[in-house]
PDB file of all heavy atoms in Angstrom:
ATOM      1  N   THR A   1      -1.461  -4.783  20.842  1.00  0.00           N
ATOM      2  CA  THR A   1      -0.185  -5.441  20.405  1.00  0.00           C
ATOM      3  C   THR A   1       0.497  -4.453  19.502  1.00  0.00           C
ATOM      4  O   THR A   1      -0.110  -3.494  18.961  1.00  0.00           O
ATOM      5  CB  THR A   1      -0.445  -6.733  19.640  1.00  0.00           C
ATOM      6  OG1 THR A   1       0.794  -7.425  19.472  1.00  0.00           O
ATOM      7  CG2 THR A   1      -1.084  -6.500  18.304  1.00  0.00           C
ATOM      8  N   PHE A   2       1.829  -4.645  19.347  1.00  0.00           N
ATOM      9  CA  PHE A   2       2.656  -3.759  18.553  1.00  0.00           C
ATOM     10  C   PHE A   2       3.251  -4.566  17.392  1.00  0.00           C
ATOM     11  O   PHE A   2       3.515  -5.732  17.529  1.00  0.00           O
ATOM     12  CB  PHE A   2       3.745  -3.134  19.362  1.00  0.00           C
ATOM     13  CG  PHE A   2       3.308  -2.190  20.452  1.00  0.00           C
ATOM     14  CD1 PHE A   2       3.160  -2.676  21.756  1.00  0.00           C
ATOM     15  CD2 PHE A   2       3.046  -0.896  20.180  1.00  0.00           C
ATOM     16  CE1 PHE A   2       2.726  -1.817  22.754  1.00  0.00           C
ATOM     17  CE2 PHE A   2       2.644  -0.019  21.181  1.00  0.00           C
ATOM     18  CZ  PHE A   2       2.464  -0.496  22.481  1.00  0.00           C
ATOM     19  N   VAL A   3       3.419  -3.881  16.272  1.00  0.00           N
ATOM     20  CA  VAL A   3       4.002  -4.471  15.096  1.00  0.00           C
ATOM     21  C   VAL A   3       5.233  -3.695  14.703  1.00  0.00           C
ATOM     22  O   VAL A   3       5.126  -2.500  14.396  1.00  0.00           O
ATOM     23  CB  VAL A   3       3.007  -4.556  13.912  1.00  0.00           C
ATOM     24  CG1 VAL A   3       3.653  -5.239  12.725  1.00  0.00           C
ATOM     25  CG2 VAL A   3       1.728  -5.249  14.353  1.00  0.00           C
ATOM     26  N   ASP A   4       6.377  -4.328  14.736  1.00  0.00           N
ATOM     27  CA  ASP A   4       7.643  -3.672  14.381  1.00  0.00           C
ATOM     28  C   ASP A   4       7.768  -3.435  12.908  1.00  0.00           C
ATOM     29  O   ASP A   4       7.353  -4.280  12.086  1.00  0.00           O
ATOM     30  CB  ASP A   4       8.804  -4.513  14.916  1.00  0.00           C
ATOM     31  CG  ASP A   4      10.126  -3.823  14.723  1.00  0.00           C
ATOM     32  OD1 ASP A   4      10.361  -2.820  15.385  1.00  0.00           O
ATOM     33  OD2 ASP A   4      10.924  -4.322  13.897  1.00  0.00           O
ATOM     34  N   HIS A   5       8.343  -2.311  12.529  1.00  0.00           N
ATOM     35  CA  HIS A   5       8.473  -1.927  11.090  1.00  0.00           C
ATOM     36  C   HIS A   5       9.312  -2.993  10.354  1.00  0.00           C
ATOM     37  O   HIS A   5       9.030  -3.288   9.130  1.00  0.00           O
ATOM     38  CB  HIS A   5       9.095  -0.568  10.932  1.00  0.00           C
ATOM     39  CG  HIS A   5      10.507  -0.471  11.427  1.00  0.00           C
ATOM     40  ND1 HIS A   5      11.580  -0.724  10.616  1.00  0.00           N
ATOM     41  CD2 HIS A   5      11.030  -0.184  12.613  1.00  0.00           C
ATOM     42  CE1 HIS A   5      12.699  -0.567  11.310  1.00  0.00           C
ATOM     43  NE2 HIS A   5      12.379  -0.260  12.515  1.00  0.00           N
ATOM     44  N   SER A   6      10.298  -3.606  10.970  1.00  0.00           N
ATOM     45  CA  SER A   6      11.078  -4.591  10.290  1.00  0.00           C
ATOM     46  C   SER A   6      10.277  -5.843   9.990  1.00  0.00           C
ATOM     47  O   SER A   6      10.513  -6.498   9.003  1.00  0.00           O
ATOM     48  CB  SER A   6      12.326  -4.921  11.150  1.00  0.00           C
ATOM     49  OG  SER A   6      11.950  -5.443  12.387  1.00  0.00           O
ATOM     50  N   ALA A   7       9.324  -6.135  10.914  1.00  0.00           N
ATOM     51  CA  ALA A   7       8.485  -7.324  10.683  1.00  0.00           C
ATOM     52  C   ALA A   7       7.602  -7.143   9.456  1.00  0.00           C
ATOM     53  O   ALA A   7       7.224  -8.096   8.773  1.00  0.00           O
ATOM     54  CB  ALA A   7       7.630  -7.591  11.917  1.00  0.00           C
ATOM     55  N   LEU A   8       7.267  -5.904   9.196  1.00  0.00           N
ATOM     56  CA  LEU A   8       6.401  -5.662   8.009  1.00  0.00           C
ATOM     57  C   LEU A   8       7.080  -6.021   6.706  1.00  0.00           C
ATOM     58  O   LEU A   8       6.458  -6.313   5.697  1.00  0.00           O
ATOM     59  CB  LEU A   8       5.984  -4.173   8.019  1.00  0.00           C
ATOM     60  CG  LEU A   8       5.092  -3.731   9.144  1.00  0.00           C
ATOM     61  CD1 LEU A   8       4.853  -2.210   9.059  1.00  0.00           C
ATOM     62  CD2 LEU A   8       3.751  -4.452   9.141  1.00  0.00           C
ATOM     63  N   LYS A   9       8.430  -5.935   6.699  1.00  0.00           N
ATOM     64  CA  LYS A   9       9.127  -6.293   5.485  1.00  0.00           C
ATOM     65  C   LYS A   9       8.909  -7.773   5.170  1.00  0.00           C
ATOM     66  O   LYS A   9       9.103  -8.186   4.004  1.00  0.00           O
ATOM     67  CB  LYS A   9      10.632  -5.984   5.668  1.00  0.00           C
ATOM     68  CG  LYS A   9      10.929  -4.519   5.665  1.00  0.00           C
ATOM     69  CD  LYS A   9      12.434  -4.248   5.689  1.00  0.00           C
ATOM     70  CE  LYS A   9      12.740  -2.746   5.592  1.00  0.00           C
ATOM     71  NZ  LYS A   9      12.270  -2.137   4.300  1.00  0.00           N
ATOM     72  N   LEU A  10       8.568  -8.575   6.163  1.00  0.00           N
ATOM     73  CA  LEU A  10       8.293  -9.965   5.922  1.00  0.00           C
ATOM     74  C   LEU A  10       7.091 -10.170   5.041  1.00  0.00           C
ATOM     75  O   LEU A  10       6.870 -11.212   4.392  1.00  0.00           O
ATOM     76  CB  LEU A  10       8.126 -10.764   7.221  1.00  0.00           C
ATOM     77  CG  LEU A  10       9.343 -10.755   8.154  1.00  0.00           C
ATOM     78  CD1 LEU A  10       9.012 -11.527   9.416  1.00  0.00           C
ATOM     79  CD2 LEU A  10      10.513 -11.468   7.464  1.00  0.00           C
ATOM     80  N   GLY A  11       6.265  -9.081   4.994  1.00  0.00           N
ATOM     81  CA  GLY A  11       5.046  -9.158   4.129  1.00  0.00           C
ATOM     82  C   GLY A  11       5.426  -9.303   2.673  1.00  0.00           C
ATOM     83  O   GLY A  11       4.615  -9.765   1.851  1.00  0.00           O
ATOM     84  N   LYS A  12       6.686  -8.896   2.323  1.00  0.00           N
ATOM     85  CA  LYS A  12       7.084  -9.022   0.952  1.00  0.00           C
ATOM     86  C   LYS A  12       7.143 -10.497   0.522  1.00  0.00           C
ATOM     87  O   LYS A  12       6.902 -10.840  -0.644  1.00  0.00           O
ATOM     88  CB  LYS A  12       8.490  -8.402   0.769  1.00  0.00           C
ATOM     89  CG  LYS A  12       8.964  -8.389  -0.685  1.00  0.00           C
ATOM     90  CD  LYS A  12      10.315  -7.746  -0.775  1.00  0.00           C
ATOM     91  CE  LYS A  12      10.791  -7.816  -2.229  1.00  0.00           C
ATOM     92  NZ  LYS A  12      12.185  -7.204  -2.374  1.00  0.00           N
ATOM     93  N   ILE A  13       7.447 -11.383   1.463  1.00  0.00           N
ATOM     94  CA  ILE A  13       7.478 -12.796   1.186  1.00  0.00           C
ATOM     95  C   ILE A  13       6.116 -13.292   0.765  1.00  0.00           C
ATOM     96  O   ILE A  13       5.955 -14.010  -0.261  1.00  0.00           O
ATOM     97  CB  ILE A  13       7.940 -13.585   2.420  1.00  0.00           C
ATOM     98  CG1 ILE A  13       9.382 -13.181   2.745  1.00  0.00           C
ATOM     99  CG2 ILE A  13       7.850 -15.109   2.113  1.00  0.00           C
ATOM    100  CD1 ILE A  13       9.898 -13.831   4.034  1.00  0.00           C
ATOM    101  N   ALA A  14       5.058 -12.821   1.466  1.00  0.00           N
ATOM    102  CA  ALA A  14       3.683 -13.181   1.077  1.00  0.00           C
ATOM    103  C   ALA A  14       3.291 -12.592  -0.268  1.00  0.00           C
ATOM    104  O   ALA A  14       2.642 -13.238  -1.076  1.00  0.00           O
ATOM    105  CB  ALA A  14       2.716 -12.732   2.164  1.00  0.00           C
ATOM    106  N   ILE A  15       3.736 -11.362  -0.544  1.00  0.00           N
ATOM    107  CA  ILE A  15       3.419 -10.753  -1.828  1.00  0.00           C
ATOM    108  C   ILE A  15       4.088 -11.516  -2.961  1.00  0.00           C
ATOM    109  O   ILE A  15       3.479 -11.761  -4.023  1.00  0.00           O
ATOM    110  CB  ILE A  15       3.902  -9.275  -1.779  1.00  0.00           C
ATOM    111  CG1 ILE A  15       3.060  -8.455  -0.809  1.00  0.00           C
ATOM    112  CG2 ILE A  15       3.818  -8.686  -3.213  1.00  0.00           C
ATOM    113  CD1 ILE A  15       3.528  -7.058  -0.654  1.00  0.00           C
ATOM    114  N   GLU A  16       5.361 -11.857  -2.773  1.00  0.00           N
ATOM    115  CA  GLU A  16       6.074 -12.634  -3.823  1.00  0.00           C
ATOM    116  C   GLU A  16       5.375 -13.956  -4.026  1.00  0.00           C
ATOM    117  O   GLU A  16       5.286 -14.470  -5.204  1.00  0.00           O
ATOM    118  CB  GLU A  16       7.495 -12.793  -3.415  1.00  0.00           C
ATOM    119  CG  GLU A  16       8.311 -11.489  -3.510  1.00  0.00           C
ATOM    120  CD  GLU A  16       9.699 -11.650  -2.954  1.00  0.00           C
ATOM    121  OE1 GLU A  16       9.965 -12.628  -2.204  1.00  0.00           O
ATOM    122  OE2 GLU A  16      10.562 -10.766  -3.175  1.00  0.00           O
ATOM    123  N   ALA A  17       4.882 -14.608  -2.966  1.00  0.00           N
ATOM    124  CA  ALA A  17       4.163 -15.870  -3.164  1.00  0.00           C
ATOM    125  C   ALA A  17       2.884 -15.672  -3.911  1.00  0.00           C
ATOM    126  O   ALA A  17       2.549 -16.500  -4.768  1.00  0.00           O
ATOM    127  CB  ALA A  17       3.865 -16.505  -1.811  1.00  0.00           C
ATOM    128  N   SER A  18       2.171 -14.560  -3.672  1.00  0.00           N
ATOM    129  CA  SER A  18       0.923 -14.310  -4.431  1.00  0.00           C
ATOM    130  C   SER A  18       1.242 -14.064  -5.907  1.00  0.00           C
ATOM    131  O   SER A  18       0.475 -14.479  -6.767  1.00  0.00           O
ATOM    132  CB  SER A  18       0.230 -13.099  -3.812  1.00  0.00           C
ATOM    133  OG  SER A  18      -0.128 -13.318  -2.479  1.00  0.00           O
ATOM    134  N   ILE A  19       2.329 -13.358  -6.153  1.00  0.00           N
ATOM    135  CA  ILE A  19       2.745 -13.103  -7.546  1.00  0.00           C
ATOM    136  C   ILE A  19       3.014 -14.418  -8.323  1.00  0.00           C
ATOM    137  O   ILE A  19       2.498 -14.665  -9.430  1.00  0.00           O
ATOM    138  CB  ILE A  19       3.980 -12.194  -7.627  1.00  0.00           C
ATOM    139  CG1 ILE A  19       3.647 -10.782  -7.139  1.00  0.00           C
ATOM    140  CG2 ILE A  19       4.506 -12.144  -9.006  1.00  0.00           C
ATOM    141  CD1 ILE A  19       4.827  -9.871  -6.971  1.00  0.00           C
ATOM    142  N   LYS A  20       3.758 -15.341  -7.658  1.00  0.00           N
ATOM    143  CA  LYS A  20       4.070 -16.600  -8.279  1.00  0.00           C
ATOM    144  C   LYS A  20       2.786 -17.437  -8.483  1.00  0.00           C
ATOM    145  O   LYS A  20       2.604 -18.098  -9.555  1.00  0.00           O
ATOM    146  CB  LYS A  20       5.032 -17.378  -7.429  1.00  0.00           C
ATOM    147  CG  LYS A  20       6.455 -16.788  -7.375  1.00  0.00           C
ATOM    148  CD  LYS A  20       7.371 -17.617  -6.543  1.00  0.00           C
ATOM    149  CE  LYS A  20       8.776 -17.023  -6.467  1.00  0.00           C
ATOM    150  NZ  LYS A  20       9.709 -17.792  -5.602  1.00  0.00           N
ATOM    151  N   ALA A  21       1.861 -17.364  -7.555  1.00  0.00           N
ATOM    152  CA  ALA A  21       0.627 -18.129  -7.693  1.00  0.00           C
ATOM    153  C   ALA A  21      -0.181 -17.604  -8.831  1.00  0.00           C
ATOM    154  O   ALA A  21      -0.849 -18.352  -9.596  1.00  0.00           O
ATOM    155  CB  ALA A  21      -0.148 -18.113  -6.400  1.00  0.00           C
ATOM    156  N   GLU A  22      -0.215 -16.280  -8.970  1.00  0.00           N
ATOM    157  CA  GLU A  22      -1.001 -15.665 -10.078  1.00  0.00           C
ATOM    158  C   GLU A  22      -0.356 -15.967 -11.425  1.00  0.00           C
ATOM    159  O   GLU A  22      -1.064 -16.192 -12.432  1.00  0.00           O
ATOM    160  CB  GLU A  22      -1.038 -14.177  -9.818  1.00  0.00           C
ATOM    161  CG  GLU A  22      -2.139 -13.415 -10.654  1.00  0.00           C
ATOM    162  CD  GLU A  22      -3.531 -13.844 -10.321  1.00  0.00           C
ATOM    163  OE1 GLU A  22      -3.814 -14.129  -9.111  1.00  0.00           O
ATOM    164  OE2 GLU A  22      -4.356 -13.920 -11.264  1.00  0.00           O
ATOM    165  N   GLU A  23       0.989 -15.953 -11.485  1.00  0.00           N
ATOM    166  CA  GLU A  23       1.680 -16.206 -12.704  1.00  0.00           C
ATOM    167  C   GLU A  23       1.476 -17.642 -13.227  1.00  0.00           C
ATOM    168  O   GLU A  23       1.582 -17.913 -14.433  1.00  0.00           O
ATOM    169  CB  GLU A  23       3.173 -15.879 -12.587  1.00  0.00           C
ATOM    170  CG  GLU A  23       3.476 -14.398 -12.510  1.00  0.00           C
ATOM    171  CD  GLU A  23       4.908 -14.131 -12.258  1.00  0.00           C
ATOM    172  OE1 GLU A  23       5.603 -15.052 -11.786  1.00  0.00           O
ATOM    173  OE2 GLU A  23       5.410 -12.983 -12.508  1.00  0.00           O
ATOM    174  N   LYS A  24       1.219 -18.558 -12.317  1.00  0.00           N
ATOM    175  CA  LYS A  24       1.022 -19.936 -12.705  1.00  0.00           C
ATOM    176  C   LYS A  24      -0.327 -20.195 -13.342  1.00  0.00           C
ATOM    177  O   LYS A  24      -0.552 -21.266 -13.943  1.00  0.00           O
ATOM    178  CB  LYS A  24       1.196 -20.863 -11.466  1.00  0.00           C
ATOM    179  CG  LYS A  24       2.613 -20.980 -10.990  1.00  0.00           C
ATOM    180  CD  LYS A  24       2.722 -21.875  -9.772  1.00  0.00           C
ATOM    181  CE  LYS A  24       4.177 -21.992  -9.282  1.00  0.00           C
ATOM    182  NZ  LYS A  24       4.216 -22.884  -8.082  1.00  0.00           N
ATOM    183  N   LYS A  25      -1.239 -19.260 -13.156  1.00  0.00           N
ATOM    184  CA  LYS A  25      -2.607 -19.445 -13.780  1.00  0.00           C
ATOM    185  C   LYS A  25      -2.516 -19.391 -15.292  1.00  0.00           C
ATOM    186  O   LYS A  25      -1.689 -18.706 -15.875  1.00  0.00           O
ATOM    187  CB  LYS A  25      -3.527 -18.373 -13.229  1.00  0.00           C
ATOM    188  CG  LYS A  25      -3.778 -18.528 -11.727  1.00  0.00           C
ATOM    189  CD  LYS A  25      -4.729 -17.417 -11.252  1.00  0.00           C
ATOM    190  CE  LYS A  25      -5.017 -17.564  -9.771  1.00  0.00           C
ATOM    191  NZ  LYS A  25      -5.921 -16.534  -9.261  1.00  0.00           N
ATOM    192  N   LYS A  26      -3.427 -20.049 -15.919  1.00  0.00           N
ATOM    193  CA  LYS A  26      -3.483 -20.132 -17.356  1.00  0.00           C
ATOM    194  C   LYS A  26      -4.439 -19.181 -17.997  1.00  0.00           C
ATOM    195  O   LYS A  26      -5.509 -18.919 -17.400  1.00  0.00           O
ATOM    196  CB  LYS A  26      -3.857 -21.568 -17.835  1.00  0.00           C
ATOM    197  CG  LYS A  26      -2.967 -22.695 -17.250  1.00  0.00           C
ATOM    198  CD  LYS A  26      -1.609 -22.691 -17.849  1.00  0.00           C
ATOM    199  CE  LYS A  26      -0.810 -23.919 -17.350  1.00  0.00           C
ATOM    200  NZ  LYS A  26       0.563 -23.985 -17.975  1.00  0.00           N
TER     201      LYS A  26
END
């Protein structure tokens, strides 16, 4: 299978979600 370089930018959404989840921790 092939992965387009523009699709990789969508990984930023997952990264931002991980940052928010980590920031919510006490």
